[in-house]
Amino acid sequence: MLDEIIIEKLLGKRDLYLNTLKHIEFQLVTDPSDDEINELEKLKTSTINELKKIEQEISFINSEK
């Protein structure tokens, strides 16, 4: 039961990060400046890393069942 609640919260965080990625991708196609591109790419990389961490946490919790 507790695992299900934790997974649900992790999935909510995952959805937030996926939405963030969508917005980053949109901003990248709106002809940003070079500085903006660099910042957006850094943000994109860190967001993807957070998504990977969440995926690992969910996998770990599911493997304990």
N, C-alpha and C. Protein backbone atom coordinates (compact mmCIF):
# COMPACT_ATOMS: atom_id res chain seq x y z
N MET A 1 0.83 -1.20 0.00
CA MET A 1 0.00 0.00 0.00
C MET A 1 0.87 1.26 0.00
N LEU A 2 1.87 1.31 0.89
CA LEU A 2 2.76 2.46 0.95
C LEU A 2 3.55 2.58 -0.35
N ASP A 3 3.98 1.43 -0.89
CA ASP A 3 4.71 1.45 -2.16
C ASP A 3 3.87 2.05 -3.27
N GLU A 4 2.59 1.73 -3.28
CA GLU A 4 1.71 2.27 -4.32
C GLU A 4 1.59 3.78 -4.23
N ILE A 5 1.55 4.30 -3.01
CA ILE A 5 1.47 5.75 -2.81
C ILE A 5 2.76 6.41 -3.28
N ILE A 6 3.89 5.81 -2.95
CA ILE A 6 5.18 6.35 -3.37
C ILE A 6 5.29 6.33 -4.89
N ILE A 7 4.90 5.24 -5.51
CA ILE A 7 4.95 5.14 -6.97
C ILE A 7 4.03 6.17 -7.60
N GLU A 8 2.86 6.37 -7.02
CA GLU A 8 1.93 7.36 -7.55
C GLU A 8 2.55 8.76 -7.51
N LYS A 9 3.23 9.09 -6.42
CA LYS A 9 3.88 10.40 -6.30
C LYS A 9 5.03 10.51 -7.30
N LEU A 10 5.79 9.43 -7.48
CA LEU A 10 6.87 9.43 -8.45
C LEU A 10 6.34 9.61 -9.87
N LEU A 11 5.22 8.97 -10.17
CA LEU A 11 4.62 9.13 -11.49
C LEU A 11 4.14 10.56 -11.71
N GLY A 12 3.66 11.19 -10.65
CA GLY A 12 3.27 12.60 -10.75
C GLY A 12 4.47 13.48 -11.05
N LYS A 13 5.60 13.21 -10.38
CA LYS A 13 6.83 13.96 -10.66
C LYS A 13 7.29 13.71 -12.09
N ARG A 14 7.17 12.45 -12.53
CA ARG A 14 7.57 12.10 -13.89
C ARG A 14 6.75 12.90 -14.90
N ASP A 15 5.45 12.98 -14.67
CA ASP A 15 4.58 13.74 -15.57
C ASP A 15 4.98 15.21 -15.63
N LEU A 16 5.35 15.76 -14.48
CA LEU A 16 5.79 17.15 -14.42
C LEU A 16 7.06 17.35 -15.25
N TYR A 17 8.02 16.44 -15.10
CA TYR A 17 9.26 16.54 -15.87
C TYR A 17 9.01 16.34 -17.36
N LEU A 18 8.12 15.44 -17.72
CA LEU A 18 7.79 15.25 -19.14
C LEU A 18 7.16 16.51 -19.73
N ASN A 19 6.31 17.15 -18.96
CA ASN A 19 5.69 18.40 -19.39
C ASN A 19 6.75 19.49 -19.55
N THR A 20 7.70 19.51 -18.62
CA THR A 20 8.81 20.47 -18.70
C THR A 20 9.60 20.26 -19.98
N LEU A 21 9.89 18.99 -20.30
CA LEU A 21 10.61 18.69 -21.54
C LEU A 21 9.86 19.18 -22.77
N LYS A 22 8.56 19.01 -22.75
CA LYS A 22 7.73 19.46 -23.87
C LYS A 22 7.87 20.97 -24.05
N HIS A 23 7.86 21.71 -22.95
CA HIS A 23 7.99 23.16 -23.02
C HIS A 23 9.39 23.57 -23.49
N ILE A 24 10.40 22.84 -23.03
CA ILE A 24 11.77 23.13 -23.46
C ILE A 24 11.89 22.93 -24.97
N GLU A 25 11.37 21.82 -25.44
CA GLU A 25 11.42 21.54 -26.88
C GLU A 25 10.71 22.63 -27.68
N PHE A 26 9.58 23.10 -27.17
CA PHE A 26 8.85 24.16 -27.85
C PHE A 26 9.69 25.44 -27.89
N GLN A 27 10.33 25.76 -26.77
CA GLN A 27 11.15 26.97 -26.72
C GLN A 27 12.34 26.88 -27.67
N LEU A 28 12.84 25.67 -27.86
CA LEU A 28 13.98 25.49 -28.76
C LEU A 28 13.61 25.72 -30.23
N VAL A 29 12.35 25.57 -30.57
CA VAL A 29 11.94 25.78 -31.97
C VAL A 29 11.43 27.20 -32.22
N THR A 30 11.46 28.04 -31.19
CA THR A 30 10.97 29.41 -31.35
C THR A 30 12.09 30.40 -31.64
N ASP A 31 13.18 29.90 -32.23
CA ASP A 31 14.32 30.73 -32.63
C ASP A 31 14.95 31.49 -31.45
N PRO A 32 15.41 30.75 -30.42
CA PRO A 32 16.06 31.41 -29.28
C PRO A 32 17.47 31.87 -29.63
N SER A 33 18.01 32.74 -28.79
CA SER A 33 19.39 33.19 -28.98
C SER A 33 20.34 32.05 -28.60
N ASP A 34 21.61 32.22 -28.93
CA ASP A 34 22.60 31.18 -28.61
C ASP A 34 22.69 30.93 -27.10
N ASP A 35 22.64 32.01 -26.32
CA ASP A 35 22.68 31.86 -24.85
C ASP A 35 21.46 31.10 -24.34
N GLU A 36 20.31 31.43 -24.91
CA GLU A 36 19.09 30.73 -24.52
C GLU A 36 19.15 29.25 -24.89
N ILE A 37 19.71 28.97 -26.05
CA ILE A 37 19.85 27.57 -26.48
C ILE A 37 20.72 26.81 -25.49
N ASN A 38 21.83 27.41 -25.09
CA ASN A 38 22.72 26.75 -24.12
C ASN A 38 22.01 26.48 -22.80
N GLU A 39 21.27 27.46 -22.32
CA GLU A 39 20.54 27.29 -21.06
C GLU A 39 19.45 26.24 -21.19
N LEU A 40 18.74 26.26 -22.30
CA LEU A 40 17.68 25.27 -22.51
C LEU A 40 18.24 23.86 -22.63
N GLU A 41 19.39 23.72 -23.28
CA GLU A 41 20.02 22.40 -23.40
C GLU A 41 20.47 21.88 -22.04
N LYS A 42 21.00 22.78 -21.20
CA LYS A 42 21.39 22.38 -19.84
C LYS A 42 20.17 21.93 -19.05
N LEU A 43 19.10 22.70 -19.15
CA LEU A 43 17.86 22.36 -18.46
C LEU A 43 17.29 21.04 -18.97
N LYS A 44 17.36 20.84 -20.28
CA LYS A 44 16.88 19.60 -20.88
C LYS A 44 17.67 18.41 -20.34
N THR A 45 18.99 18.54 -20.28
CA THR A 45 19.84 17.46 -19.78
C THR A 45 19.54 17.14 -18.32
N SER A 46 19.41 18.16 -17.49
CA SER A 46 19.12 17.90 -16.08
C SER A 46 17.73 17.31 -15.89
N THR A 47 16.78 17.72 -16.71
CA THR A 47 15.42 17.18 -16.62
C THR A 47 15.42 15.70 -17.02
N ILE A 48 16.15 15.36 -18.06
CA ILE A 48 16.25 13.96 -18.48
C ILE A 48 16.92 13.13 -17.40
N ASN A 49 17.94 13.68 -16.75
CA ASN A 49 18.60 12.96 -15.66
C ASN A 49 17.64 12.71 -14.50
N GLU A 50 16.80 13.68 -14.19
CA GLU A 50 15.81 13.50 -13.13
C GLU A 50 14.79 12.43 -13.52
N LEU A 51 14.40 12.41 -14.78
CA LEU A 51 13.47 11.38 -15.26
C LEU A 51 14.09 9.99 -15.10
N LYS A 52 15.37 9.87 -15.41
CA LYS A 52 16.06 8.59 -15.26
C LYS A 52 16.09 8.14 -13.80
N LYS A 53 16.33 9.09 -12.89
CA LYS A 53 16.34 8.76 -11.46
C LYS A 53 14.97 8.25 -11.01
N ILE A 54 13.93 8.92 -11.46
CA ILE A 54 12.57 8.50 -11.10
C ILE A 54 12.30 7.10 -11.64
N GLU A 55 12.70 6.86 -12.87
CA GLU A 55 12.52 5.54 -13.47
C GLU A 55 13.24 4.46 -12.66
N GLN A 56 14.45 4.77 -12.21
CA GLN A 56 15.21 3.82 -11.39
C GLN A 56 14.52 3.57 -10.05
N GLU A 57 14.01 4.62 -9.43
CA GLU A 57 13.31 4.47 -8.16
C GLU A 57 12.07 3.58 -8.32
N ILE A 58 11.31 3.82 -9.36
CA ILE A 58 10.11 3.01 -9.61
C ILE A 58 10.50 1.56 -9.85
N SER A 59 11.53 1.33 -10.64
CA SER A 59 11.99 -0.03 -10.90
C SER A 59 12.44 -0.71 -9.62
N PHE A 60 13.15 0.01 -8.77
CA PHE A 60 13.61 -0.55 -7.51
C PHE A 60 12.45 -0.94 -6.62
N ILE A 61 11.47 -0.06 -6.50
CA ILE A 61 10.30 -0.35 -5.67
C ILE A 61 9.55 -1.56 -6.21
N ASN A 62 9.38 -1.61 -7.54
CA ASN A 62 8.68 -2.74 -8.13
C ASN A 62 9.45 -4.05 -7.98
N SER A 63 10.76 -3.98 -7.96
CA SER A 63 11.56 -5.20 -7.83
C SER A 63 11.50 -5.77 -6.40
N GLU A 64 11.15 -4.93 -5.44
CA GLU A 64 11.06 -5.37 -4.04
C GLU A 64 9.77 -6.11 -3.76
N LYS A 65 8.81 -5.98 -4.65
CA LYS A 65 7.50 -6.63 -4.43
C LYS A 65 7.57 -8.11 -4.61
